[in-house]
Protein backbone atom coordinates (compact mmCIF):
# COMPACT_ATOMS: atom_id res chain seq x y z
CA MET A 1 6.36 24.23 -54.14
CA LEU A 2 4.21 22.35 -51.63
CA SER A 3 7.01 20.21 -50.27
CA TRP A 4 6.49 21.62 -46.75
CA LEU A 5 3.14 19.81 -46.82
CA GLY A 6 4.82 16.61 -47.90
CA ILE A 7 3.40 16.80 -51.42
CA THR A 8 6.14 15.71 -53.78
CA ASN A 9 6.46 13.51 -56.83
CA ALA A 10 6.79 9.88 -55.81
CA ASP A 11 9.23 9.24 -58.66
CA GLU A 12 11.71 11.82 -57.39
CA THR A 13 11.72 10.64 -53.76
CA ASN A 14 11.40 6.87 -54.38
CA GLN A 15 8.90 6.69 -51.54
CA THR A 16 5.27 5.83 -51.40
CA GLU A 17 2.99 8.82 -51.01
CA ARG A 18 1.77 9.50 -47.51
CA GLN A 19 -1.90 9.44 -46.66
CA PHE A 20 -3.73 12.52 -45.41
CA PHE A 21 -4.19 12.05 -41.63
CA GLY A 22 -2.61 8.63 -42.21
CA ASN A 23 -1.38 7.54 -38.80
CA VAL A 24 -3.54 9.79 -36.63
CA LYS A 25 -6.29 8.40 -34.39
CA LYS A 26 -9.91 8.77 -35.45
CA LYS A 27 -10.76 10.74 -32.32
CA THR A 28 -8.02 13.27 -33.10
CA ARG A 29 -9.27 13.63 -36.68
CA ILE A 30 -12.79 14.31 -35.48
CA ILE A 31 -11.56 16.91 -32.99
CA ILE A 32 -9.49 18.66 -35.68
CA LEU A 33 -12.43 18.77 -38.09
CA LEU A 34 -14.87 19.98 -35.43
CA THR A 35 -12.51 22.76 -34.35
CA ALA A 36 -12.13 23.69 -38.02
CA LEU A 37 -15.90 24.07 -38.21
CA LEU A 38 -15.82 26.21 -35.08
CA ALA A 39 -13.08 28.37 -36.62
CA LEU A 40 -15.12 28.73 -39.81
CA TYR A 41 -18.23 29.78 -37.92
CA GLY A 42 -16.24 32.09 -35.62
CA VAL A 43 -14.48 33.92 -38.44
CA LYS A 44 -17.71 34.21 -40.41
CA SER A 45 -19.61 35.56 -37.40
CA LEU A 46 -16.82 37.99 -36.49
CA LEU A 47 -16.59 39.42 -39.98
CA THR A 48 -20.37 39.63 -40.28
CA TYR A 49 -20.42 41.56 -37.00
CA LEU A 50 -17.56 43.88 -38.02
CA ILE A 51 -18.81 44.68 -41.53
CA PRO A 52 -21.66 47.23 -41.48
CA ASP A 53 -25.05 46.03 -42.74
CA SER A 54 -25.08 48.56 -45.55
CA TYR A 55 -21.95 46.96 -47.04
CA LEU A 56 -23.44 43.47 -46.73
CA ALA A 57 -26.14 44.48 -49.22
CA ASP A 58 -23.47 44.28 -51.94
CA PRO A 59 -23.27 40.68 -53.26
CA ILE A 60 -19.47 40.65 -53.47
CA VAL A 61 -18.95 41.88 -49.91
CA ALA A 62 -21.70 39.57 -48.61
CA VAL A 63 -19.72 36.44 -49.53
CA LEU A 64 -16.44 37.65 -48.00
CA PRO A 65 -17.10 36.44 -44.42
CA GLY A 66 -17.91 32.91 -45.58
CA THR A 67 -15.02 32.80 -48.04
CA VAL A 68 -12.48 34.01 -45.49
CA GLY A 69 -13.89 31.54 -42.94
CA VAL A 70 -13.47 28.63 -45.35
CA LEU A 71 -9.90 29.67 -46.19
CA VAL A 72 -8.99 29.97 -42.49
CA SER A 73 -10.43 26.54 -41.70
CA VAL A 74 -8.69 24.87 -44.67
CA VAL A 75 -5.34 26.35 -43.68
CA TYR A 76 -5.99 25.26 -40.07
CA VAL A 77 -6.67 21.67 -41.14
CA LEU A 78 -3.61 21.54 -43.41
CA VAL A 79 -1.27 22.94 -40.76
CA ALA A 80 -2.72 20.77 -37.98
CA GLU A 81 -2.40 17.66 -40.16
CA ARG A 82 1.20 18.48 -40.97
CA LEU A 83 2.07 19.07 -37.31
CA LEU A 84 0.43 15.81 -36.27
CA GLN A 85 2.28 13.89 -39.01
CA ASP A 86 5.59 15.40 -37.89
CA ASN A 87 4.91 14.52 -34.26
CA ALA A 88 3.92 10.96 -35.20
CA LYS A 89 7.22 10.41 -37.01
CA ARG A 90 9.23 11.30 -33.90
């Protein structure tokens, strides 16, 4: 199911498992993680601005901006890591 991320059973492929951000420079990793933090903060701020204050009084709605921000940043890191791994193999 997650084979597009390179997550497969090592027994089936007869390969060693690849390391997350394995052959990417440290500077590139730091830039990716810092931009993920910026994306998290940006999405959280945008949703907090767009959602009226009266709705933010509800505890369930109040956690939505942070939750969506975390999900966006995690997907960003996973996709960026996969693209960098693919480019490093070429």
